[in-house]
Amino acid sequence: KYSEYAVHCRVKRVKDVVKLKLRTQKHLFTFKTDPPTADRLLMNMKCDVIEL
């Protein structure tokens, strides 16, 4: 939902947690998920994905 409005999505992988940081014009949304769920979500992203 937020990826439609996001300028870009930054992905930070830390051990067993993946943080997805979606930047819109006004806000920064952060989602913490497990790696399999994050990979499934990243396949459906409509914004630029930046791996950190």
N, C-alpha and C. Protein backbone atom coordinates (compact mmCIF):
# COMPACT_ATOMS: atom_id res chain seq x y z
N LYS A 1 0.83 -1.20 0.00
CA LYS A 1 0.00 0.00 0.00
C LYS A 1 0.87 1.26 0.00
N TYR A 2 1.84 1.34 0.92
CA TYR A 2 2.68 2.52 1.01
C TYR A 2 3.68 2.62 -0.13
N SER A 3 3.99 1.50 -0.77
CA SER A 3 4.99 1.53 -1.84
C SER A 3 4.51 2.32 -3.05
N GLU A 4 3.20 2.49 -3.20
CA GLU A 4 2.68 3.29 -4.31
C GLU A 4 3.04 4.76 -4.14
N TYR A 5 3.12 5.22 -2.89
CA TYR A 5 3.40 6.62 -2.60
C TYR A 5 4.86 6.87 -2.24
N ALA A 6 5.63 5.81 -2.05
CA ALA A 6 7.01 5.95 -1.59
C ALA A 6 7.93 6.43 -2.71
N VAL A 7 8.91 7.24 -2.32
CA VAL A 7 9.94 7.69 -3.25
C VAL A 7 10.94 6.54 -3.45
N HIS A 8 11.34 5.90 -2.35
CA HIS A 8 12.22 4.74 -2.41
C HIS A 8 12.02 3.88 -1.15
N CYS A 9 12.56 2.68 -1.19
CA CYS A 9 12.49 1.75 -0.07
C CYS A 9 13.90 1.30 0.25
N ARG A 10 14.32 1.52 1.48
CA ARG A 10 15.64 1.06 1.91
C ARG A 10 15.48 -0.24 2.69
N VAL A 11 16.34 -1.21 2.41
CA VAL A 11 16.26 -2.51 3.05
C VAL A 11 17.51 -2.71 3.89
N LYS A 12 17.31 -2.92 5.19
CA LYS A 12 18.44 -3.16 6.09
C LYS A 12 18.27 -4.54 6.71
N ARG A 13 19.22 -5.43 6.43
CA ARG A 13 19.15 -6.80 6.94
C ARG A 13 20.09 -6.95 8.13
N VAL A 14 19.52 -7.31 9.30
CA VAL A 14 20.29 -7.48 10.52
C VAL A 14 19.93 -8.84 11.11
N LYS A 15 20.86 -9.79 11.06
CA LYS A 15 20.68 -11.16 11.56
C LYS A 15 19.37 -11.76 11.08
N ASP A 16 18.38 -11.91 11.97
CA ASP A 16 17.12 -12.55 11.59
C ASP A 16 15.98 -11.56 11.43
N VAL A 17 16.29 -10.27 11.33
CA VAL A 17 15.28 -9.22 11.16
C VAL A 17 15.61 -8.40 9.92
N VAL A 18 14.58 -8.07 9.16
CA VAL A 18 14.75 -7.20 7.98
C VAL A 18 13.90 -5.97 8.20
N LYS A 19 14.52 -4.79 8.07
CA LYS A 19 13.80 -3.54 8.21
C LYS A 19 13.55 -2.95 6.83
N LEU A 20 12.30 -2.65 6.55
CA LEU A 20 11.93 -1.99 5.30
C LEU A 20 11.58 -0.55 5.63
N LYS A 21 12.33 0.39 5.09
CA LYS A 21 12.11 1.80 5.37
C LYS A 21 11.60 2.49 4.11
N LEU A 22 10.33 2.84 4.13
CA LEU A 22 9.71 3.47 2.97
C LEU A 22 9.62 4.97 3.20
N ARG A 23 10.22 5.73 2.30
CA ARG A 23 10.23 7.19 2.40
C ARG A 23 9.19 7.76 1.45
N THR A 24 8.22 8.48 2.02
CA THR A 24 7.27 9.23 1.21
C THR A 24 7.70 10.69 1.26
N GLN A 25 6.92 11.57 0.68
CA GLN A 25 7.31 12.98 0.69
C GLN A 25 7.29 13.56 2.10
N LYS A 26 6.39 13.08 2.95
CA LYS A 26 6.26 13.66 4.29
C LYS A 26 6.75 12.75 5.41
N HIS A 27 6.65 11.45 5.25
CA HIS A 27 6.90 10.53 6.34
C HIS A 27 7.89 9.43 5.96
N LEU A 28 8.45 8.80 7.01
CA LEU A 28 9.29 7.62 6.85
C LEU A 28 8.60 6.49 7.61
N PHE A 29 8.21 5.44 6.90
CA PHE A 29 7.55 4.29 7.52
C PHE A 29 8.57 3.17 7.63
N THR A 30 8.65 2.53 8.82
CA THR A 30 9.58 1.43 9.04
C THR A 30 8.80 0.18 9.42
N PHE A 31 9.07 -0.90 8.72
CA PHE A 31 8.44 -2.19 9.00
C PHE A 31 9.53 -3.20 9.33
N LYS A 32 9.34 -3.95 10.42
CA LYS A 32 10.28 -5.00 10.80
C LYS A 32 9.62 -6.35 10.54
N THR A 33 10.30 -7.19 9.74
CA THR A 33 9.75 -8.50 9.41
C THR A 33 10.86 -9.54 9.39
N ASP A 34 10.46 -10.78 9.19
CA ASP A 34 11.44 -11.85 9.02
C ASP A 34 11.86 -11.91 7.55
N PRO A 35 13.00 -12.51 7.23
CA PRO A 35 13.51 -12.50 5.85
C PRO A 35 12.57 -13.09 4.79
N PRO A 36 11.89 -14.22 5.02
CA PRO A 36 11.00 -14.73 3.95
C PRO A 36 9.86 -13.77 3.63
N THR A 37 9.28 -13.16 4.65
CA THR A 37 8.19 -12.21 4.43
C THR A 37 8.71 -10.97 3.72
N ALA A 38 9.90 -10.51 4.08
CA ALA A 38 10.47 -9.33 3.45
C ALA A 38 10.73 -9.57 1.96
N ASP A 39 11.23 -10.75 1.62
CA ASP A 39 11.48 -11.07 0.21
C ASP A 39 10.18 -11.08 -0.59
N ARG A 40 9.12 -11.60 0.02
CA ARG A 40 7.81 -11.63 -0.65
C ARG A 40 7.28 -10.21 -0.85
N LEU A 41 7.46 -9.35 0.16
CA LEU A 41 7.01 -7.96 0.05
C LEU A 41 7.81 -7.18 -0.98
N LEU A 42 9.12 -7.44 -1.05
CA LEU A 42 9.97 -6.71 -1.99
C LEU A 42 9.64 -7.04 -3.44
N MET A 43 9.11 -8.23 -3.70
CA MET A 43 8.74 -8.58 -5.07
C MET A 43 7.56 -7.74 -5.55
N ASN A 44 6.75 -7.24 -4.61
CA ASN A 44 5.56 -6.46 -4.97
C ASN A 44 5.76 -4.96 -4.84
N MET A 45 6.98 -4.51 -4.50
CA MET A 45 7.23 -3.08 -4.32
C MET A 45 7.17 -2.35 -5.65
N LYS A 46 6.55 -1.18 -5.64
CA LYS A 46 6.42 -0.37 -6.85
C LYS A 46 7.36 0.83 -6.82
N CYS A 47 8.28 0.86 -5.86
CA CYS A 47 9.22 1.98 -5.77
C CYS A 47 10.65 1.43 -5.92
N ASP A 48 11.63 2.33 -5.96
CA ASP A 48 13.03 1.93 -6.07
C ASP A 48 13.46 1.26 -4.77
N VAL A 49 14.17 0.14 -4.87
CA VAL A 49 14.63 -0.61 -3.71
C VAL A 49 16.13 -0.40 -3.58
N ILE A 50 16.56 0.03 -2.39
CA ILE A 50 17.98 0.28 -2.11
C ILE A 50 18.39 -0.65 -0.98
N GLU A 51 19.34 -1.55 -1.25
CA GLU A 51 19.84 -2.48 -0.23
C GLU A 51 20.97 -1.79 0.54
N LEU A 52 20.87 -1.82 1.87
CA LEU A 52 21.92 -1.23 2.71
C LEU A 52 22.80 -2.31 3.28
